[in-house]
Amino acid sequence: MVEPKVFKIKGTFRMGDNPRQPFTRYVPATSDEEALEKLYSDLGSEHGVKRTEIEIHEITEVDPSEVEDPTLRELLGVE
C-alpha cells in the first residue's frame, strides 16, 4: 500500500462578482495529480466553482507535521 503524502495547494478562484478569492489547502493524496482532482472536486461542491474558474499558483509536497487542521492531523496520525 502506498503511503499517502500531503500536498499544499495555493491558488485563487472566482466567486460571484468579487475579485478572485485566494485559498491554501492541504490535501492528502498519493500524487500531485490526485491532489488536484480532490481539490477541484472539493471546491466545486463547496462553492459551485467550475474547474476553469480555479487558478492553481503552487502545489508542493509538505511534511505532515506542517498541517494545522486537527482533523487532517488525526487522519495522518500526526501527534
PDB file of N, CA and C in Angstrom:
ATOM      1  N   MET A   1       0.842  -1.183   0.000  1.00  0.00           N
ATOM      2  CA  MET A   1       0.000   0.000   0.000  1.00  0.00           C
ATOM      3  C   MET A   1       0.889   1.249   0.000  1.00  0.00           C
ATOM      4  N   VAL A   2       0.520   2.218  -0.798  1.00  0.00           N
ATOM      5  CA  VAL A   2       1.284   3.451  -0.912  1.00  0.00           C
ATOM      6  C   VAL A   2       0.937   4.374   0.247  1.00  0.00           C
ATOM      7  N   GLU A   3       1.975   4.912   0.872  1.00  0.00           N
ATOM      8  CA  GLU A   3       1.783   5.840   1.990  1.00  0.00           C
ATOM      9  C   GLU A   3       1.277   7.179   1.461  1.00  0.00           C
ATOM     10  N   PRO A   4       0.162   7.703   1.987  1.00  0.00           N
ATOM     11  CA  PRO A   4      -0.334   8.992   1.496  1.00  0.00           C
ATOM     12  C   PRO A   4       0.615  10.131   1.857  1.00  0.00           C
ATOM     13  N   LYS A   5       0.722  11.069   0.941  1.00  0.00           N
ATOM     14  CA  LYS A   5       1.532  12.263   1.140  1.00  0.00           C
ATOM     15  C   LYS A   5       0.575  13.425   1.366  1.00  0.00           C
ATOM     16  N   VAL A   6       1.109  14.565   1.736  1.00  0.00           N
ATOM     17  CA  VAL A   6       0.288  15.762   1.915  1.00  0.00           C
ATOM     18  C   VAL A   6       0.807  16.826   0.961  1.00  0.00           C
ATOM     19  N   PHE A   7      -0.115  17.414   0.208  1.00  0.00           N
ATOM     20  CA  PHE A   7       0.235  18.458  -0.741  1.00  0.00           C
ATOM     21  C   PHE A   7      -0.408  19.771  -0.310  1.00  0.00           C
ATOM     22  N   LYS A   8       0.375  20.833  -0.387  1.00  0.00           N
ATOM     23  CA  LYS A   8      -0.120  22.181  -0.096  1.00  0.00           C
ATOM     24  C   LYS A   8      -0.394  22.837  -1.444  1.00  0.00           C
ATOM     25  N   ILE A   9      -1.647  23.228  -1.659  1.00  0.00           N
ATOM     26  CA  ILE A   9      -2.047  23.822  -2.931  1.00  0.00           C
ATOM     27  C   ILE A   9      -2.498  25.255  -2.681  1.00  0.00           C
ATOM     28  N   LYS A  10      -1.872  26.182  -3.393  1.00  0.00           N
ATOM     29  CA  LYS A  10      -2.234  27.600  -3.301  1.00  0.00           C
ATOM     30  C   LYS A  10      -2.773  28.044  -4.650  1.00  0.00           C
ATOM     31  N   GLY A  11      -3.770  28.919  -4.598  1.00  0.00           N
ATOM     32  CA  GLY A  11      -4.330  29.443  -5.831  1.00  0.00           C
ATOM     33  C   GLY A  11      -5.440  30.429  -5.557  1.00  0.00           C
ATOM     34  N   THR A  12      -6.225  30.691  -6.595  1.00  0.00           N
ATOM     35  CA  THR A  12      -7.375  31.590  -6.488  1.00  0.00           C
ATOM     36  C   THR A  12      -8.534  30.984  -7.265  1.00  0.00           C
ATOM     37  N   PHE A  13      -9.740  31.432  -6.930  1.00  0.00           N
ATOM     38  CA  PHE A  13     -10.907  31.049  -7.725  1.00  0.00           C
ATOM     39  C   PHE A  13     -11.879  32.207  -7.770  1.00  0.00           C
ATOM     40  N   ARG A  14     -12.686  32.225  -8.822  1.00  0.00           N
ATOM     41  CA  ARG A  14     -13.665  33.291  -8.983  1.00  0.00           C
ATOM     42  C   ARG A  14     -14.907  32.955  -8.176  1.00  0.00           C
ATOM     43  N   MET A  15     -15.351  33.922  -7.379  1.00  0.00           N
ATOM     44  CA  MET A  15     -16.514  33.696  -6.528  1.00  0.00           C
ATOM     45  C   MET A  15     -17.492  34.843  -6.739  1.00  0.00           C
ATOM     46  N   GLY A  16     -18.509  34.621  -7.543  1.00  0.00           N
ATOM     47  CA  GLY A  16     -19.505  35.654  -7.814  1.00  0.00           C
ATOM     48  C   GLY A  16     -18.904  36.836  -8.538  1.00  0.00           C
ATOM     49  N   ASP A  17     -19.336  38.038  -8.158  1.00  0.00           N
ATOM     50  CA  ASP A  17     -18.831  39.260  -8.779  1.00  0.00           C
ATOM     51  C   ASP A  17     -17.559  39.761  -8.099  1.00  0.00           C
ATOM     52  N   ASN A  18     -17.167  39.111  -7.011  1.00  0.00           N
ATOM     53  CA  ASN A  18     -15.974  39.531  -6.275  1.00  0.00           C
ATOM     54  C   ASN A  18     -14.718  39.243  -7.089  1.00  0.00           C
ATOM     55  N   PRO A  19     -13.643  39.958  -6.767  1.00  0.00           N
ATOM     56  CA  PRO A  19     -12.370  39.594  -7.388  1.00  0.00           C
ATOM     57  C   PRO A  19     -11.986  38.177  -6.967  1.00  0.00           C
ATOM     58  N   ARG A  20     -10.937  37.667  -7.515  1.00  0.00           N
ATOM     59  CA  ARG A  20     -10.542  36.282  -7.240  1.00  0.00           C
ATOM     60  C   ARG A  20     -10.262  36.067  -5.754  1.00  0.00           C
ATOM     61  N   GLN A  21     -10.776  34.970  -5.237  1.00  0.00           N
ATOM     62  CA  GLN A  21     -10.648  34.596  -3.828  1.00  0.00           C
ATOM     63  C   GLN A  21      -9.412  33.705  -3.655  1.00  0.00           C
ATOM     64  N   PRO A  22      -8.424  34.115  -2.848  1.00  0.00           N
ATOM     65  CA  PRO A  22      -7.248  33.264  -2.640  1.00  0.00           C
ATOM     66  C   PRO A  22      -7.570  32.101  -1.701  1.00  0.00           C
ATOM     67  N   PHE A  23      -6.851  30.995  -1.861  1.00  0.00           N
ATOM     68  CA  PHE A  23      -7.020  29.847  -0.975  1.00  0.00           C
ATOM     69  C   PHE A  23      -5.686  29.122  -0.808  1.00  0.00           C
ATOM     70  N   THR A  24      -5.589  28.413   0.300  1.00  0.00           N
ATOM     71  CA  THR A  24      -4.497  27.475   0.560  1.00  0.00           C
ATOM     72  C   THR A  24      -5.135  26.244   1.164  1.00  0.00           C
ATOM     73  N   ARG A  25      -4.886  25.096   0.554  1.00  0.00           N
ATOM     74  CA  ARG A  25      -5.474  23.846   1.042  1.00  0.00           C
ATOM     75  C   ARG A  25      -4.388  22.800   1.215  1.00  0.00           C
ATOM     76  N   TYR A  26      -4.509  22.007   2.265  1.00  0.00           N
ATOM     77  CA  TYR A  26      -3.659  20.842   2.467  1.00  0.00           C
ATOM     78  C   TYR A  26      -4.490  19.627   2.079  1.00  0.00           C
ATOM     79  N   VAL A  27      -3.983  18.848   1.120  1.00  0.00           N
ATOM     80  CA  VAL A  27      -4.746  17.731   0.576  1.00  0.00           C
ATOM     81  C   VAL A  27      -3.923  16.449   0.696  1.00  0.00           C
ATOM     82  N   PRO A  28      -4.449  15.416   1.381  1.00  0.00           N
ATOM     83  CA  PRO A  28      -3.747  14.134   1.405  1.00  0.00           C
ATOM     84  C   PRO A  28      -4.010  13.387   0.099  1.00  0.00           C
ATOM     85  N   ALA A  29      -2.948  12.867  -0.508  1.00  0.00           N
ATOM     86  CA  ALA A  29      -3.075  12.141  -1.773  1.00  0.00           C
ATOM     87  C   ALA A  29      -1.789  11.365  -2.018  1.00  0.00           C
ATOM     88  N   THR A  30      -1.821  10.465  -2.991  1.00  0.00           N
ATOM     89  CA  THR A  30      -0.627   9.696  -3.327  1.00  0.00           C
ATOM     90  C   THR A  30       0.214  10.375  -4.401  1.00  0.00           C
ATOM     91  N   SER A  31      -0.377  11.347  -5.128  1.00  0.00           N
ATOM     92  CA  SER A  31       0.364  12.081  -6.159  1.00  0.00           C
ATOM     93  C   SER A  31      -0.208  13.487  -6.283  1.00  0.00           C
ATOM     94  N   ASP A  32       0.548  14.371  -6.946  1.00  0.00           N
ATOM     95  CA  ASP A  32       0.047  15.737  -7.109  1.00  0.00           C
ATOM     96  C   ASP A  32      -1.165  15.784  -8.035  1.00  0.00           C
ATOM     97  N   GLU A  33      -1.240  14.869  -9.022  1.00  0.00           N
ATOM     98  CA  GLU A  33      -2.414  14.818  -9.898  1.00  0.00           C
ATOM     99  C   GLU A  33      -3.666  14.440  -9.110  1.00  0.00           C
ATOM    100  N   GLU A  34      -3.521  13.475  -8.208  1.00  0.00           N
ATOM    101  CA  GLU A  34      -4.650  13.061  -7.370  1.00  0.00           C
ATOM    102  C   GLU A  34      -5.071  14.196  -6.431  1.00  0.00           C
ATOM    103  N   ALA A  35      -4.100  14.930  -5.900  1.00  0.00           N
ATOM    104  CA  ALA A  35      -4.398  16.061  -5.016  1.00  0.00           C
ATOM    105  C   ALA A  35      -5.176  17.138  -5.763  1.00  0.00           C
ATOM    106  N   LEU A  36      -4.792  17.418  -7.016  1.00  0.00           N
ATOM    107  CA  LEU A  36      -5.507  18.411  -7.816  1.00  0.00           C
ATOM    108  C   LEU A  36      -6.943  17.979  -8.084  1.00  0.00           C
ATOM    109  N   GLU A  37      -7.145  16.714  -8.420  1.00  0.00           N
ATOM    110  CA  GLU A  37      -8.502  16.213  -8.660  1.00  0.00           C
ATOM    111  C   GLU A  37      -9.366  16.372  -7.411  1.00  0.00           C
ATOM    112  N   LYS A  38      -8.792  16.052  -6.250  1.00  0.00           N
ATOM    113  CA  LYS A  38      -9.520  16.189  -4.986  1.00  0.00           C
ATOM    114  C   LYS A  38      -9.867  17.653  -4.724  1.00  0.00           C
ATOM    115  N   LEU A  39      -8.917  18.554  -4.989  1.00  0.00           N
ATOM    116  CA  LEU A  39      -9.156  19.984  -4.794  1.00  0.00           C
ATOM    117  C   LEU A  39     -10.275  20.476  -5.705  1.00  0.00           C
ATOM    118  N   TYR A  40     -10.216  20.129  -6.991  1.00  0.00           N
ATOM    119  CA  TYR A  40     -11.267  20.542  -7.932  1.00  0.00           C
ATOM    120  C   TYR A  40     -12.633  20.041  -7.461  1.00  0.00           C
ATOM    121  N   SER A  41     -12.680  18.804  -7.002  1.00  0.00           N
ATOM    122  CA  SER A  41     -13.931  18.221  -6.521  1.00  0.00           C
ATOM    123  C   SER A  41     -14.450  18.951  -5.284  1.00  0.00           C
ATOM    124  N   ASP A  42     -13.566  19.203  -4.321  1.00  0.00           N
ATOM    125  CA  ASP A  42     -13.969  19.864  -3.074  1.00  0.00           C
ATOM    126  C   ASP A  42     -14.445  21.294  -3.306  1.00  0.00           C
ATOM    127  N   LEU A  43     -13.659  22.087  -4.053  1.00  0.00           N
ATOM    128  CA  LEU A  43     -14.056  23.478  -4.301  1.00  0.00           C
ATOM    129  C   LEU A  43     -15.332  23.547  -5.133  1.00  0.00           C
ATOM    130  N   GLY A  44     -15.476  22.625  -6.071  1.00  0.00           N
ATOM    131  CA  GLY A  44     -16.684  22.597  -6.892  1.00  0.00           C
ATOM    132  C   GLY A  44     -17.925  22.314  -6.066  1.00  0.00           C
ATOM    133  N   SER A  45     -17.829  21.365  -5.136  1.00  0.00           N
ATOM    134  CA  SER A  45     -19.006  21.034  -4.334  1.00  0.00           C
ATOM    135  C   SER A  45     -19.266  22.073  -3.241  1.00  0.00           C
ATOM    136  N   GLU A  46     -18.216  22.668  -2.677  1.00  0.00           N
ATOM    137  CA  GLU A  46     -18.399  23.647  -1.600  1.00  0.00           C
ATOM    138  C   GLU A  46     -18.852  25.013  -2.108  1.00  0.00           C
ATOM    139  N   HIS A  47     -18.322  25.433  -3.262  1.00  0.00           N
ATOM    140  CA  HIS A  47     -18.559  26.801  -3.733  1.00  0.00           C
ATOM    141  C   HIS A  47     -19.226  26.873  -5.109  1.00  0.00           C
ATOM    142  N   GLY A  48     -19.505  25.726  -5.724  1.00  0.00           N
ATOM    143  CA  GLY A  48     -20.120  25.728  -7.047  1.00  0.00           C
ATOM    144  C   GLY A  48     -19.206  26.296  -8.122  1.00  0.00           C
ATOM    145  N   VAL A  49     -17.904  26.102  -7.949  1.00  0.00           N
ATOM    146  CA  VAL A  49     -16.905  26.657  -8.859  1.00  0.00           C
ATOM    147  C   VAL A  49     -16.539  25.617  -9.913  1.00  0.00           C
ATOM    148  N   LYS A  50     -16.475  26.044 -11.169  1.00  0.00           N
ATOM    149  CA  LYS A  50     -16.044  25.154 -12.249  1.00  0.00           C
ATOM    150  C   LYS A  50     -14.522  25.099 -12.279  1.00  0.00           C
ATOM    151  N   ARG A  51     -13.992  24.019 -12.844  1.00  0.00           N
ATOM    152  CA  ARG A  51     -12.540  23.847 -12.928  1.00  0.00           C
ATOM    153  C   ARG A  51     -11.868  25.004 -13.651  1.00  0.00           C
ATOM    154  N   THR A  52     -12.541  25.543 -14.655  1.00  0.00           N
ATOM    155  CA  THR A  52     -11.953  26.644 -15.430  1.00  0.00           C
ATOM    156  C   THR A  52     -11.873  27.938 -14.627  1.00  0.00           C
ATOM    157  N   GLU A  53     -12.601  28.019 -13.512  1.00  0.00           N
ATOM    158  CA  GLU A  53     -12.590  29.212 -12.665  1.00  0.00           C
ATOM    159  C   GLU A  53     -11.567  29.113 -11.531  1.00  0.00           C
ATOM    160  N   ILE A  54     -10.869  27.972 -11.460  1.00  0.00           N
ATOM    161  CA  ILE A  54      -9.855  27.755 -10.426  1.00  0.00           C
ATOM    162  C   ILE A  54      -8.478  27.915 -11.059  1.00  0.00           C
ATOM    163  N   GLU A  55      -7.663  28.766 -10.444  1.00  0.00           N
ATOM    164  CA  GLU A  55      -6.308  29.003 -10.942  1.00  0.00           C
ATOM    165  C   GLU A  55      -5.318  28.519  -9.884  1.00  0.00           C
ATOM    166  N   ILE A  56      -4.490  27.544 -10.243  1.00  0.00           N
ATOM    167  CA  ILE A  56      -3.502  26.988  -9.328  1.00  0.00           C
ATOM    168  C   ILE A  56      -2.199  27.768  -9.485  1.00  0.00           C
ATOM    169  N   HIS A  57      -1.668  28.281  -8.372  1.00  0.00           N
ATOM    170  CA  HIS A  57      -0.414  29.031  -8.396  1.00  0.00           C
ATOM    171  C   HIS A  57       0.763  28.162  -7.977  1.00  0.00           C
ATOM    172  N   GLU A  58       0.518  27.243  -7.038  1.00  0.00           N
ATOM    173  CA  GLU A  58       1.628  26.453  -6.496  1.00  0.00           C
ATOM    174  C   GLU A  58       1.090  25.159  -5.899  1.00  0.00           C
ATOM    175  N   ILE A  59       1.808  24.064  -6.145  1.00  0.00           N
ATOM    176  CA  ILE A  59       1.492  22.795  -5.492  1.00  0.00           C
ATOM    177  C   ILE A  59       2.809  22.172  -5.043  1.00  0.00           C
ATOM    178  N   THR A  60       2.916  21.919  -3.739  1.00  0.00           N
ATOM    179  CA  THR A  60       4.150  21.372  -3.184  1.00  0.00           C
ATOM    180  C   THR A  60       3.826  20.277  -2.181  1.00  0.00           C
ATOM    181  N   GLU A  61       4.708  19.284  -2.114  1.00  0.00           N
ATOM    182  CA  GLU A  61       4.569  18.248  -1.104  1.00  0.00           C
ATOM    183  C   GLU A  61       5.147  18.787   0.201  1.00  0.00           C
ATOM    184  N   VAL A  62       4.422  18.604   1.290  1.00  0.00           N
ATOM    185  CA  VAL A  62       4.869  19.116   2.587  1.00  0.00           C
ATOM    186  C   VAL A  62       4.930  17.987   3.610  1.00  0.00           C
ATOM    187  N   ASP A  63       5.652  18.239   4.676  1.00  0.00           N
ATOM    188  CA  ASP A  63       5.727  17.298   5.782  1.00  0.00           C
ATOM    189  C   ASP A  63       4.389  17.314   6.525  1.00  0.00           C
ATOM    190  N   PRO A  64       3.849  16.155   6.880  1.00  0.00           N
ATOM    191  CA  PRO A  64       2.559  16.119   7.580  1.00  0.00           C
ATOM    192  C   PRO A  64       2.528  16.939   8.871  1.00  0.00           C
ATOM    193  N   SER A  65       3.676  17.160   9.497  1.00  0.00           N
ATOM    194  CA  SER A  65       3.697  17.940  10.738  1.00  0.00           C
ATOM    195  C   SER A  65       3.392  19.420  10.500  1.00  0.00           C
ATOM    196  N   GLU A  66       3.451  19.893   9.239  1.00  0.00           N
ATOM    197  CA  GLU A  66       3.132  21.284   8.914  1.00  0.00           C
ATOM    198  C   GLU A  66       1.625  21.552   8.869  1.00  0.00           C
ATOM    199  N   VAL A  67       0.834  20.490   8.788  1.00  0.00           N
ATOM    200  CA  VAL A  67      -0.616  20.625   8.671  1.00  0.00           C
ATOM    201  C   VAL A  67      -1.194  21.135   9.988  1.00  0.00           C
ATOM    202  N   GLU A  68      -2.067  22.150   9.908  1.00  0.00           N
ATOM    203  CA  GLU A  68      -2.653  22.748  11.109  1.00  0.00           C
ATOM    204  C   GLU A  68      -4.044  22.200  11.427  1.00  0.00           C
ATOM    205  N   ASP A  69      -4.754  21.682  10.433  1.00  0.00           N
ATOM    206  CA  ASP A  69      -6.113  21.179  10.623  1.00  0.00           C
ATOM    207  C   ASP A  69      -6.087  19.938  11.521  1.00  0.00           C
ATOM    208  N   PRO A  70      -6.737  19.998  12.704  1.00  0.00           N
ATOM    209  CA  PRO A  70      -6.681  18.869  13.634  1.00  0.00           C
ATOM    210  C   PRO A  70      -7.296  17.585  13.076  1.00  0.00           C
ATOM    211  N   THR A  71      -8.329  17.699  12.276  1.00  0.00           N
ATOM    212  CA  THR A  71      -8.958  16.512  11.693  1.00  0.00           C
ATOM    213  C   THR A  71      -8.001  15.815  10.736  1.00  0.00           C
ATOM    214  N   LEU A  72      -7.343  16.582   9.887  1.00  0.00           N
ATOM    215  CA  LEU A  72      -6.388  16.019   8.935  1.00  0.00           C
ATOM    216  C   LEU A  72      -5.167  15.462   9.660  1.00  0.00           C
ATOM    217  N   ARG A  73      -4.717  16.141  10.715  1.00  0.00           N
ATOM    218  CA  ARG A  73      -3.577  15.644  11.500  1.00  0.00           C
ATOM    219  C   ARG A  73      -3.908  14.277  12.113  1.00  0.00           C
ATOM    220  N   GLU A  74      -5.127  14.142  12.624  1.00  0.00           N
ATOM    221  CA  GLU A  74      -5.542  12.867  13.212  1.00  0.00           C
ATOM    222  C   GLU A  74      -5.600  11.786  12.142  1.00  0.00           C
ATOM    223  N   LEU A  75      -6.117  12.127  10.977  1.00  0.00           N
ATOM    224  CA  LEU A  75      -6.195  11.180   9.862  1.00  0.00           C
ATOM    225  C   LEU A  75      -4.801  10.700   9.451  1.00  0.00           C
ATOM    226  N   LEU A  76      -3.832  11.614   9.480  1.00  0.00           N
ATOM    227  CA  LEU A  76      -2.460  11.284   9.093  1.00  0.00           C
ATOM    228  C   LEU A  76      -1.671  10.627  10.222  1.00  0.00           C
ATOM    229  N   GLY A  77      -2.215  10.633  11.430  1.00  0.00           N
ATOM    230  CA  GLY A  77      -1.530  10.042  12.569  1.00  0.00           C
ATOM    231  C   GLY A  77      -0.418  10.910  13.112  1.00  0.00           C
ATOM    232  N   VAL A  78      -0.548  12.229  12.951  1.00  0.00           N
ATOM    233  CA  VAL A  78       0.455  13.171  13.448  1.00  0.00           C
ATOM    234  C   VAL A  78       0.052  13.612  14.846  1.00  0.00           C
ATOM    235  N   GLU A  79       0.976  13.541  15.764  1.00  0.00           N
ATOM    236  CA  GLU A  79       0.699  13.937  17.153  1.00  0.00           C
ATOM    237  C   GLU A  79       0.917  15.408  17.346  1.00  0.00           C
TER     238      GLU A  79
END
